Amino acid sequence: MITIEAGEMEVKFKYYLSGIGWATCIVAVNGQRLEFTASYLTDCLNDFLRSLMFLNSFW
């Protein structure tokens, strides 16, 4: 799991392949956690990371 701290915001995320054609994504922001499954046949990792960057008001 990767942890990023920016100001008072703490973001943790994890992305791993969980089956043929599927990946599991976990994101936690200030202790609130979300886990979801996505197809890695698209560019979901890039979309996921860009979404995390938009949460950061310093970006």
PDB file of N, CA and C in Angstrom:
ATOM      1  N   MET A   1       0.854  -1.173   0.000  1.00  0.00           N
ATOM      2  CA  MET A   1       0.000   0.000   0.000  1.00  0.00           C
ATOM      3  C   MET A   1       0.894   1.229   0.000  1.00  0.00           C
ATOM      4  N   ILE A   2       0.531   2.212  -0.795  1.00  0.00           N
ATOM      5  CA  ILE A   2       1.276   3.468  -0.897  1.00  0.00           C
ATOM      6  C   ILE A   2       0.524   4.536  -0.117  1.00  0.00           C
ATOM      7  N   THR A   3       1.236   5.303   0.673  1.00  0.00           N
ATOM      8  CA  THR A   3       0.636   6.378   1.461  1.00  0.00           C
ATOM      9  C   THR A   3       1.195   7.717   0.996  1.00  0.00           C
ATOM     10  N   ILE A   4       0.305   8.672   0.773  1.00  0.00           N
ATOM     11  CA  ILE A   4       0.682  10.033   0.387  1.00  0.00           C
ATOM     12  C   ILE A   4       0.048  10.982   1.382  1.00  0.00           C
ATOM     13  N   GLU A   5       0.851  11.880   1.930  1.00  0.00           N
ATOM     14  CA  GLU A   5       0.326  12.890   2.843  1.00  0.00           C
ATOM     15  C   GLU A   5       0.558  14.263   2.229  1.00  0.00           C
ATOM     16  N   ALA A   6      -0.510  15.045   2.129  1.00  0.00           N
ATOM     17  CA  ALA A   6      -0.420  16.402   1.595  1.00  0.00           C
ATOM     18  C   ALA A   6      -1.238  17.305   2.492  1.00  0.00           C
ATOM     19  N   GLY A   7      -0.554  18.156   3.212  1.00  0.00           N
ATOM     20  CA  GLY A   7      -1.267  18.997   4.168  1.00  0.00           C
ATOM     21  C   GLY A   7      -1.894  18.119   5.239  1.00  0.00           C
ATOM     22  N   GLU A   8      -3.188  18.239   5.422  1.00  0.00           N
ATOM     23  CA  GLU A   8      -3.893  17.444   6.417  1.00  0.00           C
ATOM     24  C   GLU A   8      -4.549  16.209   5.821  1.00  0.00           C
ATOM     25  N   MET A   9      -4.375  15.992   4.526  1.00  0.00           N
ATOM     26  CA  MET A   9      -5.011  14.855   3.853  1.00  0.00           C
ATOM     27  C   MET A   9      -4.037  13.685   3.754  1.00  0.00           C
ATOM     28  N   GLU A  10      -4.500  12.512   4.143  1.00  0.00           N
ATOM     29  CA  GLU A  10      -3.714  11.289   3.998  1.00  0.00           C
ATOM     30  C   GLU A  10      -4.445  10.370   3.028  1.00  0.00           C
ATOM     31  N   VAL A  11      -3.766   9.970   1.967  1.00  0.00           N
ATOM     32  CA  VAL A  11      -4.354   9.101   0.947  1.00  0.00           C
ATOM     33  C   VAL A  11      -3.519   7.830   0.858  1.00  0.00           C
ATOM     34  N   LYS A  12      -4.184   6.692   0.961  1.00  0.00           N
ATOM     35  CA  LYS A  12      -3.522   5.403   0.797  1.00  0.00           C
ATOM     36  C   LYS A  12      -4.200   4.683  -0.354  1.00  0.00           C
ATOM     37  N   PHE A  13      -3.402   4.021  -1.188  1.00  0.00           N
ATOM     38  CA  PHE A  13      -4.023   3.239  -2.244  1.00  0.00           C
ATOM     39  C   PHE A  13      -3.240   1.983  -2.552  1.00  0.00           C
ATOM     40  N   LYS A  14      -3.977   0.995  -3.029  1.00  0.00           N
ATOM     41  CA  LYS A  14      -3.413  -0.299  -3.387  1.00  0.00           C
ATOM     42  C   LYS A  14      -4.159  -0.791  -4.621  1.00  0.00           C
ATOM     43  N   TYR A  15      -3.414  -1.382  -5.544  1.00  0.00           N
ATOM     44  CA  TYR A  15      -3.977  -1.887  -6.797  1.00  0.00           C
ATOM     45  C   TYR A  15      -3.282  -3.204  -7.085  1.00  0.00           C
ATOM     46  N   TYR A  16      -4.048  -4.268  -7.237  1.00  0.00           N
ATOM     47  CA  TYR A  16      -3.428  -5.557  -7.533  1.00  0.00           C
ATOM     48  C   TYR A  16      -4.335  -6.395  -8.428  1.00  0.00           C
ATOM     49  N   LEU A  17      -3.715  -7.257  -9.226  1.00  0.00           N
ATOM     50  CA  LEU A  17      -4.465  -8.153 -10.095  1.00  0.00           C
ATOM     51  C   LEU A  17      -5.095  -9.238  -9.241  1.00  0.00           C
ATOM     52  N   SER A  18      -6.398  -9.439  -9.423  1.00  0.00           N
ATOM     53  CA  SER A  18      -7.117 -10.375  -8.565  1.00  0.00           C
ATOM     54  C   SER A  18      -7.745 -11.528  -9.342  1.00  0.00           C
ATOM     55  N   GLY A  19      -7.517 -11.594 -10.623  1.00  0.00           N
ATOM     56  CA  GLY A  19      -8.054 -12.672 -11.438  1.00  0.00           C
ATOM     57  C   GLY A  19      -7.797 -12.360 -12.899  1.00  0.00           C
ATOM     58  N   ILE A  20      -8.153 -13.266 -13.758  1.00  0.00           N
ATOM     59  CA  ILE A  20      -7.927 -13.059 -15.183  1.00  0.00           C
ATOM     60  C   ILE A  20      -8.809 -11.912 -15.677  1.00  0.00           C
ATOM     61  N   GLY A  21      -8.176 -10.812 -16.075  1.00  0.00           N
ATOM     62  CA  GLY A  21      -8.904  -9.650 -16.580  1.00  0.00           C
ATOM     63  C   GLY A  21      -9.404  -8.698 -15.514  1.00  0.00           C
ATOM     64  N   TRP A  22      -9.105  -8.971 -14.237  1.00  0.00           N
ATOM     65  CA  TRP A  22      -9.645  -8.140 -13.155  1.00  0.00           C
ATOM     66  C   TRP A  22      -8.562  -7.667 -12.205  1.00  0.00           C
ATOM     67  N   ALA A  23      -8.804  -6.504 -11.637  1.00  0.00           N
ATOM     68  CA  ALA A  23      -7.917  -5.933 -10.629  1.00  0.00           C
ATOM     69  C   ALA A  23      -8.763  -5.430  -9.467  1.00  0.00           C
ATOM     70  N   THR A  24      -8.197  -5.472  -8.277  1.00  0.00           N
ATOM     71  CA  THR A  24      -8.853  -4.926  -7.097  1.00  0.00           C
ATOM     72  C   THR A  24      -8.158  -3.624  -6.728  1.00  0.00           C
ATOM     73  N   CYS A  25      -8.937  -2.613  -6.446  1.00  0.00           N
ATOM     74  CA  CYS A  25      -8.433  -1.293  -6.087  1.00  0.00           C
ATOM     75  C   CYS A  25      -8.937  -0.945  -4.694  1.00  0.00           C
ATOM     76  N   ILE A  26      -8.035  -0.447  -3.873  1.00  0.00           N
ATOM     77  CA  ILE A  26      -8.404  -0.003  -2.529  1.00  0.00           C
ATOM     78  C   ILE A  26      -7.873   1.411  -2.357  1.00  0.00           C
ATOM     79  N   VAL A  27      -8.728   2.305  -1.904  1.00  0.00           N
ATOM     80  CA  VAL A  27      -8.307   3.674  -1.615  1.00  0.00           C
ATOM     81  C   VAL A  27      -8.875   4.071  -0.251  1.00  0.00           C
ATOM     82  N   ALA A  28      -8.032   4.725   0.538  1.00  0.00           N
ATOM     83  CA  ALA A  28      -8.464   5.233   1.838  1.00  0.00           C
ATOM     84  C   ALA A  28      -8.044   6.699   1.917  1.00  0.00           C
ATOM     85  N   VAL A  29      -8.990   7.558   2.243  1.00  0.00           N
ATOM     86  CA  VAL A  29      -8.718   8.988   2.386  1.00  0.00           C
ATOM     87  C   VAL A  29      -9.142   9.382   3.796  1.00  0.00           C
ATOM     88  N   ASN A  30      -8.159   9.822   4.581  1.00  0.00           N
ATOM     89  CA  ASN A  30      -8.406  10.217   5.976  1.00  0.00           C
ATOM     90  C   ASN A  30      -9.207   9.171   6.737  1.00  0.00           C
ATOM     91  N   GLY A  31      -8.861   7.907   6.534  1.00  0.00           N
ATOM     92  CA  GLY A  31      -9.486   6.817   7.287  1.00  0.00           C
ATOM     93  C   GLY A  31     -10.739   6.235   6.667  1.00  0.00           C
ATOM     94  N   GLN A  32     -11.327   6.872   5.664  1.00  0.00           N
ATOM     95  CA  GLN A  32     -12.495   6.313   4.978  1.00  0.00           C
ATOM     96  C   GLN A  32     -11.998   5.443   3.836  1.00  0.00           C
ATOM     97  N   ARG A  33     -12.451   4.171   3.801  1.00  0.00           N
ATOM     98  CA  ARG A  33     -11.898   3.180   2.880  1.00  0.00           C
ATOM     99  C   ARG A  33     -12.930   2.737   1.851  1.00  0.00           C
ATOM    100  N   LEU A  34     -12.486   2.591   0.605  1.00  0.00           N
ATOM    101  CA  LEU A  34     -13.329   2.093  -0.473  1.00  0.00           C
ATOM    102  C   LEU A  34     -12.554   1.013  -1.215  1.00  0.00           C
ATOM    103  N   GLU A  35     -13.198  -0.113  -1.464  1.00  0.00           N
ATOM    104  CA  GLU A  35     -12.593  -1.202  -2.233  1.00  0.00           C
ATOM    105  C   GLU A  35     -13.512  -1.526  -3.399  1.00  0.00           C
ATOM    106  N   PHE A  36     -12.938  -1.648  -4.596  1.00  0.00           N
ATOM    107  CA  PHE A  36     -13.753  -1.981  -5.759  1.00  0.00           C
ATOM    108  C   PHE A  36     -12.943  -2.810  -6.737  1.00  0.00           C
ATOM    109  N   THR A  37     -13.645  -3.463  -7.646  1.00  0.00           N
ATOM    110  CA  THR A  37     -13.032  -4.311  -8.661  1.00  0.00           C
ATOM    111  C   THR A  37     -13.202  -3.646 -10.020  1.00  0.00           C
ATOM    112  N   ALA A  38     -12.143  -3.698 -10.820  1.00  0.00           N
ATOM    113  CA  ALA A  38     -12.180  -3.089 -12.146  1.00  0.00           C
ATOM    114  C   ALA A  38     -11.510  -4.023 -13.141  1.00  0.00           C
ATOM    115  N   SER A  39     -11.889  -3.885 -14.385  1.00  0.00           N
ATOM    116  CA  SER A  39     -11.240  -4.635 -15.455  1.00  0.00           C
ATOM    117  C   SER A  39      -9.929  -3.957 -15.799  1.00  0.00           C
ATOM    118  N   TYR A  40      -8.852  -4.717 -15.888  1.00  0.00           N
ATOM    119  CA  TYR A  40      -7.594  -4.100 -16.285  1.00  0.00           C
ATOM    120  C   TYR A  40      -7.390  -4.177 -17.794  1.00  0.00           C
ATOM    121  N   LEU A  41      -8.440  -4.508 -18.521  1.00  0.00           N
ATOM    122  CA  LEU A  41      -8.374  -4.508 -19.981  1.00  0.00           C
ATOM    123  C   LEU A  41      -8.510  -3.089 -20.534  1.00  0.00           C
ATOM    124  N   THR A  42      -8.877  -2.152 -19.675  1.00  0.00           N
ATOM    125  CA  THR A  42      -8.911  -0.732 -20.031  1.00  0.00           C
ATOM    126  C   THR A  42      -7.769  -0.054 -19.281  1.00  0.00           C
ATOM    127  N   ASP A  43      -7.704   1.242 -19.328  1.00  0.00           N
ATOM    128  CA  ASP A  43      -6.648   1.973 -18.625  1.00  0.00           C
ATOM    129  C   ASP A  43      -7.129   2.422 -17.250  1.00  0.00           C
ATOM    130  N   CYS A  44      -7.700   1.497 -16.494  1.00  0.00           N
ATOM    131  CA  CYS A  44      -8.306   1.861 -15.209  1.00  0.00           C
ATOM    132  C   CYS A  44      -7.262   2.313 -14.191  1.00  0.00           C
ATOM    133  N   LEU A  45      -6.035   1.802 -14.249  1.00  0.00           N
ATOM    134  CA  LEU A  45      -5.018   2.242 -13.294  1.00  0.00           C
ATOM    135  C   LEU A  45      -4.715   3.725 -13.490  1.00  0.00           C
ATOM    136  N   ASN A  46      -4.551   4.174 -14.720  1.00  0.00           N
ATOM    137  CA  ASN A  46      -4.326   5.590 -14.987  1.00  0.00           C
ATOM    138  C   ASN A  46      -5.521   6.424 -14.529  1.00  0.00           C
ATOM    139  N   ASP A  47      -6.732   5.987 -14.829  1.00  0.00           N
ATOM    140  CA  ASP A  47      -7.935   6.712 -14.405  1.00  0.00           C
ATOM    141  C   ASP A  47      -8.004   6.794 -12.881  1.00  0.00           C
ATOM    142  N   PHE A  48      -7.670   5.704 -12.223  1.00  0.00           N
ATOM    143  CA  PHE A  48      -7.689   5.621 -10.766  1.00  0.00           C
ATOM    144  C   PHE A  48      -6.686   6.610 -10.157  1.00  0.00           C
ATOM    145  N   LEU A  49      -5.451   6.618 -10.662  1.00  0.00           N
ATOM    146  CA  LEU A  49      -4.429   7.509 -10.122  1.00  0.00           C
ATOM    147  C   LEU A  49      -4.741   8.974 -10.399  1.00  0.00           C
ATOM    148  N   ARG A  50      -5.268   9.275 -11.585  1.00  0.00           N
ATOM    149  CA  ARG A  50      -5.657  10.661 -11.888  1.00  0.00           C
ATOM    150  C   ARG A  50      -6.782  11.123 -10.963  1.00  0.00           C
ATOM    151  N   SER A  51      -7.713  10.243 -10.654  1.00  0.00           N
ATOM    152  CA  SER A  51      -8.803  10.588  -9.731  1.00  0.00           C
ATOM    153  C   SER A  51      -8.254  10.912  -8.352  1.00  0.00           C
ATOM    154  N   LEU A  52      -7.273  10.143  -7.890  1.00  0.00           N
ATOM    155  CA  LEU A  52      -6.660  10.419  -6.594  1.00  0.00           C
ATOM    156  C   LEU A  52      -5.973  11.784  -6.601  1.00  0.00           C
ATOM    157  N   MET A  53      -5.336  12.127  -7.702  1.00  0.00           N
ATOM    158  CA  MET A  53      -4.666  13.427  -7.792  1.00  0.00           C
ATOM    159  C   MET A  53      -5.666  14.579  -7.727  1.00  0.00           C
ATOM    160  N   PHE A  54      -6.855  14.394  -8.298  1.00  0.00           N
ATOM    161  CA  PHE A  54      -7.873  15.450  -8.261  1.00  0.00           C
ATOM    162  C   PHE A  54      -8.419  15.658  -6.847  1.00  0.00           C
ATOM    163  N   LEU A  55      -8.277  14.673  -5.960  1.00  0.00           N
ATOM    164  CA  LEU A  55      -8.686  14.847  -4.566  1.00  0.00           C
ATOM    165  C   LEU A  55      -7.767  15.802  -3.826  1.00  0.00           C
ATOM    166  N   ASN A  56      -6.542  15.922  -4.298  1.00  0.00           N
ATOM    167  CA  ASN A  56      -5.542  16.746  -3.640  1.00  0.00           C
ATOM    168  C   ASN A  56      -5.661  18.190  -4.138  1.00  0.00           C
ATOM    169  N   SER A  57      -6.003  19.086  -3.260  1.00  0.00           N
ATOM    170  CA  SER A  57      -6.193  20.486  -3.669  1.00  0.00           C
ATOM    171  C   SER A  57      -4.861  21.173  -4.005  1.00  0.00           C
ATOM    172  N   PHE A  58      -3.726  20.559  -3.666  1.00  0.00           N
ATOM    173  CA  PHE A  58      -2.421  21.135  -3.958  1.00  0.00           C
ATOM    174  C   PHE A  58      -1.935  20.799  -5.360  1.00  0.00           C
ATOM    175  N   TRP A  59      -2.615  19.895  -6.070  1.00  0.00           N
ATOM    176  CA  TRP A  59      -2.172  19.470  -7.399  1.00  0.00           C
ATOM    177  C   TRP A  59      -2.549  20.451  -8.444  1.00  0.00           C
TER     178      TRP A  59
END
